[in-house]
C-alpha atoms as a PDB file:
ATOM      1  CA  MET A   1    -106.048  58.731-135.932  1.00  0.00           C
ATOM      2  CA  CYS A   2    -106.831  59.475-132.353  1.00  0.00           C
ATOM      3  CA  MET A   3    -105.187  57.314-129.885  1.00  0.00           C
ATOM      4  CA  LYS A   4    -107.157  56.532-126.788  1.00  0.00           C
ATOM      5  CA  SER A   5    -105.450  57.383-123.642  1.00  0.00           C
ATOM      6  CA  PRO A   6    -104.902  54.398-121.448  1.00  0.00           C
ATOM      7  CA  ARG A   7    -107.596  54.029-118.871  1.00  0.00           C
ATOM      8  CA  ARG A   8    -106.670  54.181-115.235  1.00  0.00           C
ATOM      9  CA  ARG A   9    -106.769  50.799-113.724  1.00  0.00           C
ATOM     10  CA  LYS A  10    -109.552  50.281-111.275  1.00  0.00           C
ATOM     11  CA  ARG A  11    -108.655  49.912-107.675  1.00  0.00           C
ATOM     12  CA  ALA A  12    -108.098  46.331-106.874  1.00  0.00           C
ATOM     13  CA  MET A  13    -110.835  44.787-104.765  1.00  0.00           C
ATOM     14  CA  ASP A  14    -110.057  43.485-101.327  1.00  0.00           C
ATOM     15  CA  PRO A  15    -109.062  39.867-101.315  1.00  0.00           C
ATOM     16  CA  PRO A  16    -111.667  37.467 -99.954  1.00  0.00           C
ATOM     17  CA  GLU A  17    -109.292  36.555 -97.150  1.00  0.00           C
ATOM     18  CA  LEU A  18    -109.257  40.159 -95.901  1.00  0.00           C
ATOM     19  CA  LYS A  19    -113.035  40.376 -96.016  1.00  0.00           C
ATOM     20  CA  LEU A  20    -113.315  37.166 -94.033  1.00  0.00           C
ATOM     21  CA  GLN A  21    -110.817  38.394 -91.460  1.00  0.00           C
ATOM     22  CA  MET A  22    -112.696  41.668 -91.005  1.00  0.00           C
ATOM     23  CA  SER A  23    -115.968  39.784 -90.646  1.00  0.00           C
ATOM     24  CA  VAL A  24    -114.482  37.530 -87.997  1.00  0.00           C
ATOM     25  CA  MET A  25    -113.107  40.542 -86.110  1.00  0.00           C
ATOM     26  CA  ASN A  26    -116.501  42.238 -86.163  1.00  0.00           C
ATOM     27  CA  SER A  27    -118.132  39.071 -84.905  1.00  0.00           C
ATOM     28  CA  ARG A  28    -115.651  38.855 -82.083  1.00  0.00           C
ATOM     29  CA  LEU A  29    -116.336  42.441 -81.128  1.00  0.00           C
ATOM     30  CA  CYS A  30    -120.061  41.735 -81.019  1.00  0.00           C
ATOM     31  CA  LEU A  31    -119.558  38.616 -78.963  1.00  0.00           C
ATOM     32  CA  CYS A  32    -117.344  40.447 -76.507  1.00  0.00           C
ATOM     33  CA  TYR A  33    -119.888  43.206 -76.146  1.00  0.00           C
ATOM     34  CA  GLY A  34    -122.641  40.687 -75.533  1.00  0.00           C
ATOM     35  CA  ASP A  35    -120.580  38.873 -72.924  1.00  0.00           C
ATOM     36  CA  GLU A  36    -120.051  42.109 -71.040  1.00  0.00           C
ATOM     37  CA  GLU A  37    -123.810  42.583 -70.845  1.00  0.00           C
ATOM     38  CA  ASP A  38    -124.398  38.991 -69.717  1.00  0.00           C
ATOM     39  CA  ASP A  39    -121.672  39.208 -67.088  1.00  0.00           C
ATOM     40  CA  GLU A  40    -123.495  42.030 -65.348  1.00  0.00           C
ATOM     41  CA  GLU A  41    -124.869  40.382 -62.206  1.00  0.00           C
ATOM     42  CA  LEU A  42    -128.286  41.121 -60.774  1.00  0.00           C
ATOM     43  CA  PRO A  43    -128.390  42.559 -57.242  1.00  0.00           C
ATOM     44  CA  ARG A  44    -128.416  39.977 -54.481  1.00  0.00           C
ATOM     45  CA  PRO A  45    -131.874  39.263 -52.970  1.00  0.00           C
ATOM     46  CA  SER A  46    -132.672  38.951 -49.264  1.00  0.00           C
ATOM     47  CA  ILE A  47    -134.523  36.169 -47.420  1.00  0.00           C
ATOM     48  CA  SER A  48    -136.477  36.188 -44.152  1.00  0.00           C
ATOM     49  CA  ALA A  49    -138.801  33.887 -42.189  1.00  0.00           C
ATOM     50  CA  TRP A  50    -142.253  34.619 -40.789  1.00  0.00           C
ATOM     51  CA  PRO A  51    -143.345  34.363 -38.020  1.00  0.00           C
ATOM     52  CA  SER A  52    -139.948  33.047 -36.879  1.00  0.00           C
ATOM     53  CA  SER A  53    -136.964  31.025 -38.056  1.00  0.00           C
ATOM     54  CA  GLU A  54    -137.368  28.724 -35.016  1.00  0.00           C
ATOM     55  CA  VAL A  55    -140.602  26.736 -35.028  1.00  0.00           C
ATOM     56  CA  LYS A  56    -142.138  23.628 -33.492  1.00  0.00           C
ATOM     57  CA  PRO A  57    -142.858  20.376 -35.366  1.00  0.00           C
ATOM     58  CA  LYS A  58    -146.009  20.265 -37.519  1.00  0.00           C
ATOM     59  CA  SER A  59    -146.129  24.061 -37.648  1.00  0.00           C
ATOM     60  CA  ASN A  60    -145.979  26.343 -40.695  1.00  0.00           C
ATOM     61  CA  VAL A  61    -143.520  29.012 -41.752  1.00  0.00           C
ATOM     62  CA  THR A  62    -143.278  31.404 -44.704  1.00  0.00           C
ATOM     63  CA  LEU A  63    -139.918  32.129 -46.315  1.00  0.00           C
ATOM     64  CA  ARG A  64    -139.937  35.514 -48.051  1.00  0.00           C
ATOM     65  CA  CYS A  65    -137.476  36.340 -50.812  1.00  0.00           C
ATOM     66  CA  ARG A  66    -137.265  40.044 -51.629  1.00  0.00           C
ATOM     67  CA  THR A  67    -135.821  41.040 -55.007  1.00  0.00           C
ATOM     68  CA  HIS A  68    -134.986  44.350 -56.665  1.00  0.00           C
ATOM     69  CA  PHE A  69    -137.269  43.921 -59.690  1.00  0.00           C
ATOM     70  CA  GLN A  70    -140.875  43.055 -60.441  1.00  0.00           C
ATOM     71  CA  ASN A  71    -142.132  40.204 -62.607  1.00  0.00           C
ATOM     72  CA  VAL A  72    -139.262  37.862 -61.829  1.00  0.00           C
ATOM     73  CA  THR A  73    -138.827  34.119 -61.437  1.00  0.00           C
ATOM     74  CA  VAL A  74    -137.669  33.193 -57.931  1.00  0.00           C
ATOM     75  CA  THR A  75    -136.128  29.910 -56.840  1.00  0.00           C
ATOM     76  CA  LEU A  76    -135.696  28.561 -53.297  1.00  0.00           C
ATOM     77  CA  GLY A  77    -132.837  26.190 -52.494  1.00  0.00           C
ATOM     78  CA  LYS A  78    -131.466  24.349 -49.473  1.00  0.00           C
ATOM     79  CA  LEU A  79    -127.858  23.909 -48.403  1.00  0.00           C
ATOM     80  CA  HIS A  80    -126.357  20.436 -48.785  1.00  0.00           C
ATOM     81  CA  ASN A  81    -129.445  19.311 -50.726  1.00  0.00           C
ATOM     82  CA  SER A  82    -129.039  19.857 -54.441  1.00  0.00           C
ATOM     83  CA  GLY A  83    -132.315  18.059 -55.156  1.00  0.00           C
ATOM     84  CA  TYR A  84    -134.382  20.571 -53.209  1.00  0.00           C
ATOM     85  CA  GLN A  85    -135.657  23.382 -55.429  1.00  0.00           C
ATOM     86  CA  ARG A  86    -138.905  25.318 -55.478  1.00  0.00           C
ATOM     87  CA  GLU A  87    -139.649  27.915 -58.130  1.00  0.00           C
ATOM     88  CA  LEU A  88    -142.429  30.435 -58.618  1.00  0.00           C
ATOM     89  CA  ARG A  89    -143.277  33.564 -60.554  1.00  0.00           C
ATOM     90  CA  SER A  90    -143.632  36.809 -58.629  1.00  0.00           C
ATOM     91  CA  ALA A  91    -145.519  39.820 -59.952  1.00  0.00           C
ATOM     92  CA  GLY A  92    -144.087  42.100 -57.273  1.00  0.00           C
ATOM     93  CA  LYS A  93    -140.703  42.415 -55.622  1.00  0.00           C
ATOM     94  CA  GLU A  94    -141.372  39.742 -52.993  1.00  0.00           C
ATOM     95  CA  ALA A  95    -142.002  36.024 -53.365  1.00  0.00           C
ATOM     96  CA  GLU A  96    -143.422  33.849 -50.576  1.00  0.00           C
ATOM     97  CA  PHE A  97    -142.697  30.149 -50.138  1.00  0.00           C
ATOM     98  CA  HIS A  98    -145.075  28.430 -47.699  1.00  0.00           C
ATOM     99  CA  LEU A  99    -143.580  25.489 -45.796  1.00  0.00           C
ATOM    100  CA  THR A 100    -146.235  23.450 -43.969  1.00  0.00           C
ATOM    101  CA  ASN A 101    -146.264  20.583 -41.455  1.00  0.00           C
ATOM    102  CA  LEU A 102    -142.579  21.025 -40.730  1.00  0.00           C
ATOM    103  CA  GLN A 103    -140.514  18.148 -39.340  1.00  0.00           C
ATOM    104  CA  PRO A 104    -137.009  18.124 -37.777  1.00  0.00           C
ATOM    105  CA  GLU A 105    -135.536  16.979 -41.092  1.00  0.00           C
ATOM    106  CA  ASP A 106    -136.821  20.198 -42.706  1.00  0.00           C
ATOM    107  CA  ALA A 107    -134.390  22.227 -40.623  1.00  0.00           C
ATOM    108  CA  GLY A 108    -131.317  23.645 -42.358  1.00  0.00           C
ATOM    109  CA  GLY A 109    -130.015  26.588 -44.343  1.00  0.00           C
ATOM    110  CA  TYR A 110    -132.224  28.077 -47.071  1.00  0.00           C
ATOM    111  CA  PHE A 111    -131.392  30.619 -49.772  1.00  0.00           C
ATOM    112  CA  CYS A 112    -133.079  32.182 -52.783  1.00  0.00           C
ATOM    113  CA  ALA A 113    -132.150  33.646 -56.175  1.00  0.00           C
ATOM    114  CA  TYR A 114    -134.061  35.201 -59.077  1.00  0.00           C
ATOM    115  CA  ARG A 115    -133.890  36.077 -62.745  1.00  0.00           C
ATOM    116  CA  THR A 116    -135.719  38.551 -64.935  1.00  0.00           C
ATOM    117  CA  ALA A 117    -137.386  37.998 -68.281  1.00  0.00           C
ATOM    118  CA  ALA A 118    -134.581  39.938 -70.005  1.00  0.00           C
ATOM    119  CA  SER A 119    -131.803  37.915 -68.384  1.00  0.00           C
ATOM    120  CA  PRO A 120    -131.530  34.131 -68.634  1.00  0.00           C
ATOM    121  CA  ARG A 121    -128.961  34.049 -65.846  1.00  0.00           C
ATOM    122  CA  TRP A 122    -129.754  33.741 -62.161  1.00  0.00           C
ATOM    123  CA  SER A 123    -128.774  36.398 -59.683  1.00  0.00           C
ATOM    124  CA  ALA A 124    -126.315  35.787 -56.886  1.00  0.00           C
ATOM    125  CA  LYS A 125    -127.679  33.719 -54.007  1.00  0.00           C
ATOM    126  CA  SER A 126    -129.060  35.444 -50.954  1.00  0.00           C
ATOM    127  CA  GLN A 127    -127.498  34.994 -47.562  1.00  0.00           C
ATOM    128  CA  HIS A 128    -128.374  31.719 -45.877  1.00  0.00           C
ATOM    129  CA  LEU A 129    -131.288  31.619 -43.448  1.00  0.00           C
ATOM    130  CA  GLN A 130    -131.035  28.915 -40.773  1.00  0.00           C
ATOM    131  CA  LEU A 131    -134.401  27.290 -40.088  1.00  0.00           C
ATOM    132  CA  VAL A 132    -134.614  25.462 -36.732  1.00  0.00           C
ATOM    133  CA  VAL A 133    -137.342  22.886 -36.044  1.00  0.00           C
ATOM    134  CA  THR A 134    -137.353  21.864 -32.379  1.00  0.00           C
ATOM    135  CA  ASP A 135    -138.111  18.188 -31.775  1.00  0.00           C
ATOM    136  CA  GLY A 136    -138.593  18.275 -28.001  1.00  0.00           C
ATOM    137  CA  VAL A 137    -135.433  16.230 -27.391  1.00  0.00           C
ATOM    138  CA  GLY A 138    -132.560  17.903 -29.125  1.00  0.00           C
ATOM    139  CA  GLY A 139    -134.355  21.123 -29.970  1.00  0.00           C
ATOM    140  CA  GLY A 140    -133.123  21.019 -33.566  1.00  0.00           C
ATOM    141  CA  GLY A 141    -129.581  20.500 -32.388  1.00  0.00           C
ATOM    142  CA  GLU A 142    -130.007  22.588 -29.244  1.00  0.00           C
ATOM    143  CA  ILE A 143    -130.341  21.067 -25.749  1.00  0.00           C
ATOM    144  CA  PRO A 144    -133.356  22.488 -23.904  1.00  0.00           C
ATOM    145  CA  PRO A 145    -132.689  24.244 -20.588  1.00  0.00           C
ATOM    146  CA  ARG A 146    -132.406  21.830 -17.698  1.00  0.00           C
ATOM    147  CA  SER A 147    -133.830  24.287 -15.207  1.00  0.00           C
ATOM    148  CA  SER A 148    -137.380  23.930 -16.542  1.00  0.00           C
ATOM    149  CA  ASN A 149    -137.266  20.134 -16.071  1.00  0.00           C
ATOM    150  CA  SER A 150    -135.433  20.133 -12.733  1.00  0.00           C
ATOM    151  CA  LYS A 151    -137.777  22.525 -10.898  1.00  0.00           C
ATOM    152  CA  PRO A 152    -140.592  19.976 -10.357  1.00  0.00           C
ATOM    153  CA  ILE A 153    -138.059  17.382  -9.188  1.00  0.00           C
ATOM    154  CA  ILE A 154    -136.525  19.781  -6.662  1.00  0.00           C
ATOM    155  CA  LEU A 155    -139.930  20.826  -5.319  1.00  0.00           C
ATOM    156  CA  THR A 156    -141.039  17.206  -4.946  1.00  0.00           C
ATOM    157  CA  THR A 157    -137.840  16.286  -3.110  1.00  0.00           C
ATOM    158  CA  LEU A 158    -138.171  19.206  -0.696  1.00  0.00           C
ATOM    159  CA  SER A 159    -141.795  18.320  -0.004  1.00  0.00           C
ATOM    160  CA  CYS A 160    -140.889  14.712   0.787  1.00  0.00           C
ATOM    161  CA  LEU A 161    -138.088  15.815   3.114  1.00  0.00           C
ATOM    162  CA  SER A 162    -140.381  18.242   4.932  1.00  0.00           C
ATOM    163  CA  ILE A 163    -143.035  15.567   5.472  1.00  0.00           C
ATOM    164  CA  SER A 164    -140.424  13.091   6.717  1.00  0.00           C
ATOM    165  CA  LEU A 165    -139.017  15.614   9.195  1.00  0.00           C
ATOM    166  CA  LEU A 166    -142.523  16.399  10.414  1.00  0.00           C
ATOM    167  CA  PHE A 167    -143.268  12.723  11.117  1.00  0.00           C
ATOM    168  CA  VAL A 168    -139.941  12.280  12.898  1.00  0.00           C
ATOM    169  CA  SER A 169    -140.631  15.328  15.070  1.00  0.00           C
ATOM    170  CA  ILE A 170    -144.105  14.072  15.984  1.00  0.00           C
ATOM    171  CA  TYR A 171    -142.693  10.654  16.872  1.00  0.00           C
ATOM    172  CA  PHE A 172    -140.066  12.082  19.222  1.00  0.00           C
ATOM    173  CA  ILE A 173    -142.582  14.387  20.885  1.00  0.00           C
ATOM    174  CA  TYR A 174    -144.909  11.444  21.434  1.00  0.00           C
ATOM    175  CA  ARG A 175    -142.129   9.322  22.964  1.00  0.00           C
ATOM    176  CA  CYS A 176    -141.069  12.087  25.310  1.00  0.00           C
ATOM    177  CA  THR A 177    -144.665  12.630  26.390  1.00  0.00           C
ATOM    178  CA  GLN A 178    -145.185   8.927  27.099  1.00  0.00           C
ATOM    179  CA  GLN A 179    -142.012   8.772  29.178  1.00  0.00           C
ATOM    180  CA  ALA A 180    -142.957  11.807  31.259  1.00  0.00           C
ATOM    181  CA  TRP A 181    -146.600  10.796  31.815  1.00  0.00           C
ATOM    182  CA  PRO A 182    -146.057   8.003  34.448  1.00  0.00           C
ATOM    183  CA  ASP A 183    -143.975  10.349  36.633  1.00  0.00           C
ATOM    184  CA  THR A 184    -146.685  12.931  36.490  1.00  0.00           C
ATOM    185  CA  LYS A 185    -149.341  10.422  37.501  1.00  0.00           C
ATOM    186  CA  LYS A 186    -147.202   9.268  40.446  1.00  0.00           C
ATOM    187  CA  GLU A 187    -146.709  12.818  41.692  1.00  0.00           C
ATOM    188  CA  ILE A 188    -150.420  13.512  41.499  1.00  0.00           C
ATOM    189  CA  HIS A 189    -151.220  10.309  43.410  1.00  0.00           C
ATOM    190  CA  GLU A 190    -148.748  11.159  46.190  1.00  0.00           C
ATOM    191  CA  LYS A 191    -150.159  14.653  46.556  1.00  0.00           C
ATOM    192  CA  CYS A 192    -153.657  13.296  46.762  1.00  0.00           C
ATOM    193  CA  THR A 193    -152.630  10.722  49.400  1.00  0.00           C
ATOM    194  CA  LEU A 194    -150.871  13.302  51.533  1.00  0.00           C
ATOM    195  CA  GLY A 195    -153.799  15.622  51.284  1.00  0.00           C
ATOM    196  CA  ALA A 196    -156.188  12.936  52.425  1.00  0.00           C
ATOM    197  CA  GLY A 197    -153.983  12.074  55.459  1.00  0.00           C
ATOM    198  CA  ASP A 198    -153.945  15.641  56.664  1.00  0.00           C
ATOM    199  CA  MET A 199    -157.709  15.801  56.806  1.00  0.00           C
ATOM    200  CA  PRO A 200    -159.309  15.212  60.364  1.00  0.00           C
END
């Protein structure tokens, strides 16, 4: 009778708890790797104004936001005004926001940011651009030069003084002439009388 040799026991399978722990660790590694990709910030854009960042009321200005990528979504914001937001899609690397019929209350600091189709997160904000809308009184917070307003006043005052001095001079000349005129007439009369007496 042949006796069967005892079979080698199969290797015990990993407990379910170990499998679960390894699965959780792998998930954490994947999540960490994904976070590192999401944390990578997009380059900061730049903002500029055309034709100028200082404009008059009821005029128009274009704010240009230049990005580092094409086909991006660009947003325009305003400092101290969380409700102000304008957004558009740009096919190139530059987005233009047209601001029309500007009023003094439209003045302030503007900034822009963007995001690509592959990234749901916005880039860092651009540097702030200060838009000044002069109102003719405060000049958007700036007092206009006084010299431009004072020149006509100074010229008018000098003209009035010159005319007054001219009239005063004419008056004194006239008075002096009137006072000297009787003496002159008397001298002429005496000369004429003496001349007539000398005649034969």
